[in-house]
Amino acid sequence: MKTGCEKKMSVTIKDVAREANVSPSTVSRVISESPRISEDTKKRVRDIIIRLNYHPNVVARGLANKSTNVIGIILTSEIEDLSKNPFFIQVMEGISSYAKKQGYYIMYTFCSNKEEELKCVKDYVHGNLADGIILTTVYYEDSCIGYLKEVDFPFVVIGRPEDTKNVLWVDNDNFQAMYSVVSKLLIRGYRKIAFIGPKNEISVGKDRLNGYIQAHKVHGVNINRKLIKEVNGFNEECGYEAMKSILEDQTPEAVVAADDLLAFGTYKYMDEKNIGEIAVIGFNNTPLAEYHRPSLTSVDINVKKVGYYASKLLIDKLKNNMNENHYVIETNLIERESTFKGINTKDKIQVTR
């Protein structure tokens, strides 16, 4: 005789197997989309799963398969910075959109420096917290990359690593993107072009600075080193201080900033000093760029797509289904009020490295 206190037992994988007249391992293979199971069997098992309202136990499956179905993401940002820098939000959206389709969950870790990143990476590996890791920033002589290669743990980096053959990576062609922007400025007659970007220990900063330098060389324009300011981060404060330093020496005709937040900082200082008539171009085309006053011309690096393909590369590796070891995502210049009118974003400019 049943009492009101009795709980309804949840459906197990053995219940599904018994109804379908197959083994529990066959049900597991159907759930994991194994090609070894016939389509007729797959349909019969799936129909019973729906009829019995069976929900696989993710933890139990992970223990059985020695996997977690979790991807660990190392973010080089404090969590409170997310509202200020949409880059990380957009890259997380891209990563999650592909991972969700493939049945993977995401675990995020926020780190404020390189030492903390390495500790978090080791925690992921030794704690069996994730099947693979995505690093969202690449440094020169990157200790996280070195460690993950040493222990042979699956990972992907967002950015161009030093070892492009033996590391899975996704990035834009940052050299070409900056080269193209600066070339267009030079073609339009600008000569005093300032550069504000992160220090060279970050690969994206190094590549964009090299694009800036090469554009000057190709167009036969001398570089004024006082117009180059390398900063310690991607935020408005760094852009503000860099622009302050530049203007203490001379007034540029244009500024190219390696991030929209750096560009916003340059405007903040210019507004305080009532300085105008300087063209400004940012990178990342953050949602705020369109609503800034003046609206900011920016290079759209397709951040969500970068995250999406980072997730795809890692999951393809985890499923032994790799066809590529890297993806280079296209960029597009979005012109707005902060620059001159008339840039043809479809210009083809020959690069000589």
Protein backbone atom coordinates (compact mmCIF):
# COMPACT_ATOMS: atom_id res chain seq x y z
CA MET A 1 0.00 0.00 0.00
CA LYS A 2 1.46 3.33 -1.10
CA THR A 3 1.69 6.24 1.29
CA GLY A 4 1.71 9.94 0.49
CA CYS A 5 5.31 10.12 1.67
CA GLU A 6 6.64 7.80 -1.04
CA LYS A 7 8.64 9.47 -3.79
CA LYS A 8 8.34 8.59 -7.42
CA MET A 9 11.52 6.85 -8.53
CA SER A 10 13.33 8.54 -11.42
CA VAL A 11 13.75 6.66 -14.67
CA THR A 12 17.19 5.08 -15.11
CA ILE A 13 19.19 4.06 -18.15
CA LYS A 14 18.42 0.43 -17.25
CA ASP A 15 14.69 1.16 -17.53
CA VAL A 16 15.18 2.55 -21.03
CA ALA A 17 17.35 -0.42 -22.00
CA ARG A 18 14.77 -2.93 -20.75
CA GLU A 19 11.92 -1.24 -22.66
CA ALA A 20 14.00 -1.06 -25.85
CA ASN A 21 15.33 -4.61 -25.42
CA VAL A 22 18.94 -3.42 -25.70
CA SER A 23 21.85 -3.14 -23.29
CA PRO A 24 22.46 -0.01 -21.15
CA SER A 25 25.69 0.57 -23.09
CA THR A 26 23.68 0.75 -26.32
CA VAL A 27 21.42 3.41 -24.79
CA SER A 28 24.53 5.35 -23.75
CA ARG A 29 25.90 5.16 -27.29
CA VAL A 30 22.60 6.40 -28.71
CA ILE A 31 22.70 9.39 -26.36
CA SER A 32 26.29 10.19 -27.37
CA GLU A 33 25.42 9.93 -31.10
CA SER A 34 27.71 6.97 -31.74
CA PRO A 35 27.90 6.02 -35.44
CA ARG A 36 28.19 2.35 -34.39
CA ILE A 37 24.43 2.12 -33.68
CA SER A 38 21.94 1.58 -36.51
CA GLU A 39 19.38 4.27 -37.29
CA ASP A 40 16.49 1.90 -36.49
CA THR A 41 17.88 1.21 -33.02
CA LYS A 42 18.55 4.89 -32.45
CA LYS A 43 14.96 5.78 -33.32
CA ARG A 44 13.52 3.05 -31.06
CA VAL A 45 15.68 4.10 -28.12
CA ARG A 46 14.98 7.82 -28.62
CA ASP A 47 11.24 7.21 -28.74
CA ILE A 48 11.40 5.33 -25.43
CA ILE A 49 13.59 8.05 -23.88
CA ILE A 50 10.87 10.58 -24.76
CA ARG A 51 8.01 8.34 -23.61
CA LEU A 52 9.66 7.59 -20.25
CA ASN A 53 10.88 11.19 -19.86
CA TYR A 54 14.40 9.95 -19.18
CA HIS A 55 17.10 12.55 -18.41
CA PRO A 56 20.70 11.32 -18.52
CA ASN A 57 22.74 11.94 -15.39
CA VAL A 58 25.57 14.11 -16.68
CA VAL A 59 27.80 13.49 -13.67
CA ALA A 60 27.34 9.73 -13.85
CA ARG A 61 28.03 9.70 -17.58
CA GLY A 62 31.16 11.73 -16.98
CA LEU A 63 32.44 9.31 -14.38
CA ALA A 64 31.73 6.35 -16.66
CA ASN A 65 33.37 7.95 -19.67
CA LYS A 66 36.17 9.61 -17.66
CA SER A 67 35.02 13.00 -18.94
CA THR A 68 33.18 16.02 -17.52
CA ASN A 69 31.59 17.51 -20.65
CA VAL A 70 32.87 20.83 -19.28
CA ILE A 71 35.11 23.39 -21.01
CA GLY A 72 37.16 25.66 -18.76
CA ILE A 73 37.58 29.30 -19.83
CA ILE A 74 40.41 31.44 -18.43
CA LEU A 75 39.47 35.13 -18.62
CA THR A 76 42.16 37.75 -18.07
CA SER A 77 39.76 40.16 -16.42
CA GLU A 78 38.23 40.75 -13.02
CA ILE A 79 34.52 39.93 -13.00
CA GLU A 80 33.66 43.56 -12.22
CA ASP A 81 35.34 44.61 -15.49
CA LEU A 82 32.76 42.82 -17.63
CA SER A 83 30.39 45.79 -17.67
CA LYS A 84 33.22 48.00 -18.92
CA ASN A 85 34.76 45.69 -21.49
CA PRO A 86 32.19 43.89 -23.67
CA PHE A 87 34.94 41.87 -25.41
CA PHE A 88 34.81 39.12 -22.81
CA ILE A 89 31.01 38.98 -22.78
CA GLN A 90 30.93 38.65 -26.57
CA VAL A 91 33.66 36.01 -26.72
CA MET A 92 31.85 34.01 -24.00
CA GLU A 93 28.63 34.18 -26.03
CA GLY A 94 30.44 32.76 -29.04
CA ILE A 95 32.08 29.97 -27.03
CA SER A 96 28.81 29.03 -25.32
CA SER A 97 26.73 29.01 -28.51
CA TYR A 98 28.79 26.21 -30.08
CA ALA A 99 29.44 24.31 -26.85
CA LYS A 100 25.73 24.17 -26.06
CA LYS A 101 24.97 22.61 -29.45
CA GLN A 102 27.54 19.92 -28.73
CA GLY A 103 26.31 19.14 -25.22
CA TYR A 104 29.15 20.82 -23.33
CA TYR A 105 28.92 23.06 -20.29
CA ILE A 106 31.11 26.08 -19.57
CA MET A 107 33.09 26.94 -16.44
CA TYR A 108 34.55 30.46 -16.27
CA THR A 109 37.51 31.58 -14.16
CA PHE A 110 38.52 35.22 -13.85
CA CYS A 111 42.22 35.98 -13.32
CA SER A 112 43.89 39.33 -12.74
CA ASN A 113 47.49 38.39 -13.69
CA LYS A 114 49.61 35.74 -15.41
CA GLU A 115 50.57 33.98 -12.17
CA GLU A 116 46.94 33.56 -11.21
CA GLU A 117 46.14 32.24 -14.69
CA LEU A 118 48.76 29.50 -14.40
CA LYS A 119 47.46 28.46 -10.98
CA CYS A 120 43.89 28.27 -12.32
CA VAL A 121 45.04 26.20 -15.31
CA LYS A 122 46.77 23.73 -12.97
CA ASP A 123 43.63 23.55 -10.82
CA TYR A 124 41.56 22.64 -13.89
CA VAL A 125 44.01 19.93 -14.92
CA HIS A 126 44.76 18.33 -11.55
CA GLY A 127 41.21 18.63 -10.27
CA ASN A 128 39.72 16.98 -13.38
CA LEU A 129 37.34 19.94 -13.58
CA ALA A 130 37.20 20.16 -17.38
CA ASP A 131 37.91 18.17 -20.53
CA GLY A 132 39.70 21.09 -22.16
CA ILE A 133 40.64 24.75 -21.66
CA ILE A 134 40.33 27.94 -23.71
CA LEU A 135 42.83 30.72 -22.96
CA THR A 136 41.50 34.16 -23.94
CA THR A 137 44.86 35.97 -23.96
CA VAL A 138 48.26 34.98 -25.38
CA TYR A 139 51.53 36.28 -23.93
CA TYR A 140 55.13 36.17 -25.14
CA GLU A 141 56.72 33.03 -23.66
CA ASP A 142 53.30 32.08 -22.29
CA SER A 143 53.67 29.87 -19.20
CA CYS A 144 50.10 28.51 -19.46
CA ILE A 145 50.69 27.31 -23.01
CA GLY A 146 54.01 25.78 -22.00
CA TYR A 147 52.44 23.92 -19.09
CA LEU A 148 49.43 22.61 -21.05
CA LYS A 149 51.73 21.32 -23.81
CA GLU A 150 53.96 19.67 -21.21
CA VAL A 151 51.09 17.74 -19.59
CA ASP A 152 49.39 17.11 -22.97
CA PHE A 153 46.05 18.59 -21.90
CA PRO A 154 43.60 19.72 -24.64
CA PHE A 155 43.46 23.50 -25.06
CA VAL A 156 42.86 26.32 -27.53
CA VAL A 157 44.12 29.90 -27.37
CA ILE A 158 42.43 33.07 -28.60
CA GLY A 159 45.32 34.97 -30.13
CA ARG A 160 48.32 34.02 -32.26
CA PRO A 161 50.78 31.89 -30.26
CA GLU A 162 54.51 31.74 -30.94
CA ASP A 163 54.19 28.07 -31.93
CA THR A 164 51.46 28.23 -34.55
CA LYS A 165 51.99 24.64 -35.77
CA ASN A 166 51.60 22.74 -32.51
CA VAL A 167 48.96 24.83 -30.76
CA LEU A 168 45.27 25.17 -31.63
CA TRP A 169 44.41 28.86 -32.01
CA VAL A 170 41.87 31.38 -33.31
CA ASP A 171 42.63 35.00 -34.10
CA ASN A 172 42.24 37.85 -36.55
CA ASP A 173 45.06 38.95 -38.81
CA ASN A 174 45.91 41.80 -36.46
CA PHE A 175 48.96 42.84 -38.45
CA GLN A 176 46.94 43.20 -41.65
CA ALA A 177 44.00 44.91 -39.92
CA MET A 178 46.19 47.65 -38.42
CA TYR A 179 48.31 47.92 -41.56
CA SER A 180 45.18 48.52 -43.63
CA VAL A 181 43.79 51.17 -41.26
CA VAL A 182 47.04 53.13 -41.04
CA SER A 183 47.61 52.84 -44.80
CA LYS A 184 44.21 54.38 -45.46
CA LEU A 185 45.02 57.26 -43.14
CA LEU A 186 48.34 57.83 -44.89
CA ILE A 187 46.73 57.70 -48.33
CA ARG A 188 44.27 60.37 -47.19
CA GLY A 189 47.17 62.65 -46.28
CA TYR A 190 47.55 62.09 -42.55
CA ARG A 191 51.19 62.08 -41.45
CA LYS A 192 51.24 62.51 -37.67
CA ILE A 193 49.45 59.31 -36.63
CA ALA A 194 49.65 58.22 -32.97
CA PHE A 195 49.42 54.60 -31.82
CA ILE A 196 48.08 53.49 -28.42
CA GLY A 197 48.18 49.78 -27.61
CA PRO A 198 49.19 47.14 -25.05
CA LYS A 199 52.81 46.25 -24.42
CA ASN A 200 54.48 43.78 -26.73
CA GLU A 201 54.26 40.87 -24.28
CA ILE A 202 50.67 40.43 -25.50
CA SER A 203 50.63 39.02 -29.04
CA VAL A 204 47.71 41.15 -30.26
CA GLY A 205 49.55 44.33 -29.22
CA LYS A 206 52.75 43.23 -30.92
CA ASP A 207 50.99 42.36 -34.18
CA ARG A 208 49.00 45.61 -34.32
CA LEU A 209 52.07 47.73 -33.57
CA ASN A 210 54.02 45.93 -36.31
CA GLY A 211 51.17 46.65 -38.75
CA TYR A 212 51.34 50.34 -37.79
CA ILE A 213 55.12 50.42 -38.32
CA GLN A 214 55.04 48.52 -41.62
CA ALA A 215 52.38 50.83 -43.09
CA HIS A 216 54.66 53.81 -42.48
CA LYS A 217 57.62 51.99 -44.06
CA VAL A 218 55.71 50.93 -47.18
CA HIS A 219 54.34 54.46 -47.72
CA GLY A 220 57.72 56.07 -47.11
CA VAL A 221 56.65 58.05 -44.03
CA ASN A 222 59.03 58.41 -41.10
CA ILE A 223 57.77 57.23 -37.71
CA ASN A 224 57.84 59.59 -34.76
CA ARG A 225 58.45 57.28 -31.78
CA LYS A 226 56.99 59.88 -29.42
CA LEU A 227 53.62 59.15 -31.02
CA ILE A 228 53.77 55.47 -29.96
CA LYS A 229 52.45 54.73 -26.48
CA GLU A 230 52.40 51.17 -25.12
CA VAL A 231 50.21 50.76 -22.06
CA ASN A 232 49.52 48.13 -19.40
CA GLY A 233 45.90 47.31 -20.20
CA PHE A 234 42.78 47.71 -22.32
CA ASN A 235 40.84 50.37 -20.42
CA GLU A 236 39.84 54.03 -20.55
CA GLU A 237 42.36 55.05 -17.89
CA CYS A 238 45.25 53.74 -19.99
CA GLY A 239 43.93 55.56 -23.08
CA TYR A 240 43.48 58.76 -21.07
CA GLU A 241 47.04 58.73 -19.71
CA ALA A 242 48.53 57.79 -23.09
CA MET A 243 46.76 60.67 -24.84
CA LYS A 244 47.81 63.05 -22.08
CA SER A 245 51.44 62.02 -22.59
CA ILE A 246 51.23 62.38 -26.37
CA LEU A 247 49.67 65.84 -26.24
CA GLU A 248 52.25 67.10 -23.78
CA ASP A 249 54.78 66.78 -26.60
CA GLN A 250 52.79 67.43 -29.79
CA THR A 251 49.35 67.21 -31.37
CA PRO A 252 48.75 64.28 -33.74
CA GLU A 253 46.43 64.44 -36.72
CA ALA A 254 45.01 60.99 -35.99
CA VAL A 255 45.07 58.30 -33.30
CA VAL A 256 44.74 54.56 -33.83
CA ALA A 257 43.94 52.70 -30.61
CA ALA A 258 44.24 48.92 -30.29
CA ASP A 259 40.93 48.78 -28.40
CA ASP A 260 37.75 50.88 -28.28
CA LEU A 261 38.18 51.47 -24.54
CA LEU A 262 41.60 53.01 -25.18
CA ALA A 263 39.96 55.22 -27.83
CA PHE A 264 37.27 56.31 -25.34
CA GLY A 265 40.05 57.29 -22.94
CA THR A 266 41.72 59.46 -25.57
CA TYR A 267 38.42 61.27 -26.12
CA LYS A 268 37.94 61.79 -22.41
CA TYR A 269 41.24 63.67 -22.20
CA MET A 270 40.59 65.58 -25.43
CA ASP A 271 37.18 66.68 -24.13
CA GLU A 272 38.68 67.91 -20.86
CA LYS A 273 41.22 70.01 -22.77
CA ASN A 274 38.71 71.05 -25.44
CA ILE A 275 40.83 69.55 -28.22
CA GLY A 276 39.14 68.55 -31.46
CA GLU A 277 39.88 67.84 -35.12
CA ILE A 278 41.82 64.66 -34.39
CA ALA A 279 40.67 61.53 -36.19
CA VAL A 280 40.31 58.52 -33.88
CA ILE A 281 39.97 54.83 -34.76
CA GLY A 282 39.43 51.98 -32.29
CA PHE A 283 39.37 48.18 -32.45
CA ASN A 284 36.71 45.59 -31.52
CA ASN A 285 33.63 47.62 -32.56
CA THR A 286 32.06 47.32 -29.13
CA PRO A 287 28.33 48.11 -28.86
CA LEU A 288 29.18 51.43 -27.18
CA ALA A 289 31.19 52.61 -30.20
CA GLU A 290 28.05 53.51 -32.13
CA TYR A 291 26.58 55.51 -29.25
CA HIS A 292 29.71 57.41 -28.24
CA ARG A 293 29.75 61.09 -29.15
CA PRO A 294 31.17 61.45 -31.66
CA SER A 295 30.39 57.89 -32.74
CA LEU A 296 33.61 55.92 -32.96
CA THR A 297 35.10 54.49 -36.14
CA SER A 298 36.25 50.99 -35.21
CA VAL A 299 37.58 47.75 -36.66
CA ASP A 300 35.01 44.98 -36.16
CA ILE A 301 36.95 41.83 -35.26
CA ASN A 302 33.81 39.63 -35.09
CA VAL A 303 34.36 38.69 -31.44
CA LYS A 304 31.46 36.22 -31.18
CA LYS A 305 32.76 34.39 -34.23
CA VAL A 306 36.21 34.21 -32.64
CA GLY A 307 34.70 32.58 -29.55
CA TYR A 308 32.52 30.25 -31.63
CA TYR A 309 35.48 28.86 -33.59
CA ALA A 310 37.65 28.55 -30.48
CA SER A 311 34.93 26.35 -28.99
CA LYS A 312 34.64 24.37 -32.23
CA LEU A 313 38.39 23.72 -32.43
CA LEU A 314 38.53 22.41 -28.87
CA ILE A 315 35.44 20.23 -29.10
CA ASP A 316 36.58 18.83 -32.47
CA LYS A 317 39.83 17.81 -30.77
CA LEU A 318 38.00 16.27 -27.82
CA LYS A 319 35.87 14.24 -30.25
CA ASN A 320 38.88 13.26 -32.39
CA ASN A 321 37.29 15.08 -35.31
CA MET A 322 39.95 17.68 -36.11
CA ASN A 323 40.21 19.11 -39.63
CA GLU A 324 41.93 22.41 -38.80
CA ASN A 325 44.46 23.58 -36.23
CA HIS A 326 43.53 27.27 -36.45
CA TYR A 327 41.04 29.79 -37.81
CA VAL A 328 41.73 33.38 -38.90
CA ILE A 329 38.57 35.48 -38.56
CA GLU A 330 37.95 38.37 -40.94
CA THR A 331 37.85 42.03 -39.83
CA ASN A 332 35.86 44.98 -41.18
CA LEU A 333 36.33 48.71 -40.71
CA ILE A 334 33.12 50.40 -39.55
CA GLU A 335 33.43 54.13 -40.21
CA ARG A 336 31.58 56.64 -38.07
CA GLU A 337 31.84 60.29 -37.04
CA SER A 338 35.25 60.08 -35.34
CA THR A 339 37.12 59.98 -38.65
CA PHE A 340 37.04 61.63 -42.03
CA LYS A 341 34.45 60.52 -44.54
CA GLY A 342 35.42 58.65 -47.65
CA ILE A 343 37.42 55.63 -46.51
CA ASN A 344 36.76 52.82 -48.91
CA THR A 345 36.70 49.74 -46.68
CA LYS A 346 37.05 47.48 -49.72
CA ASP A 347 40.40 48.94 -50.81
CA LYS A 348 42.97 46.26 -51.50
CA ILE A 349 46.38 47.31 -50.24
CA GLN A 350 49.48 45.25 -50.97
CA VAL A 351 51.37 44.29 -47.83
CA THR A 352 55.16 43.98 -47.84
CA ARG A 353 56.52 42.52 -44.59
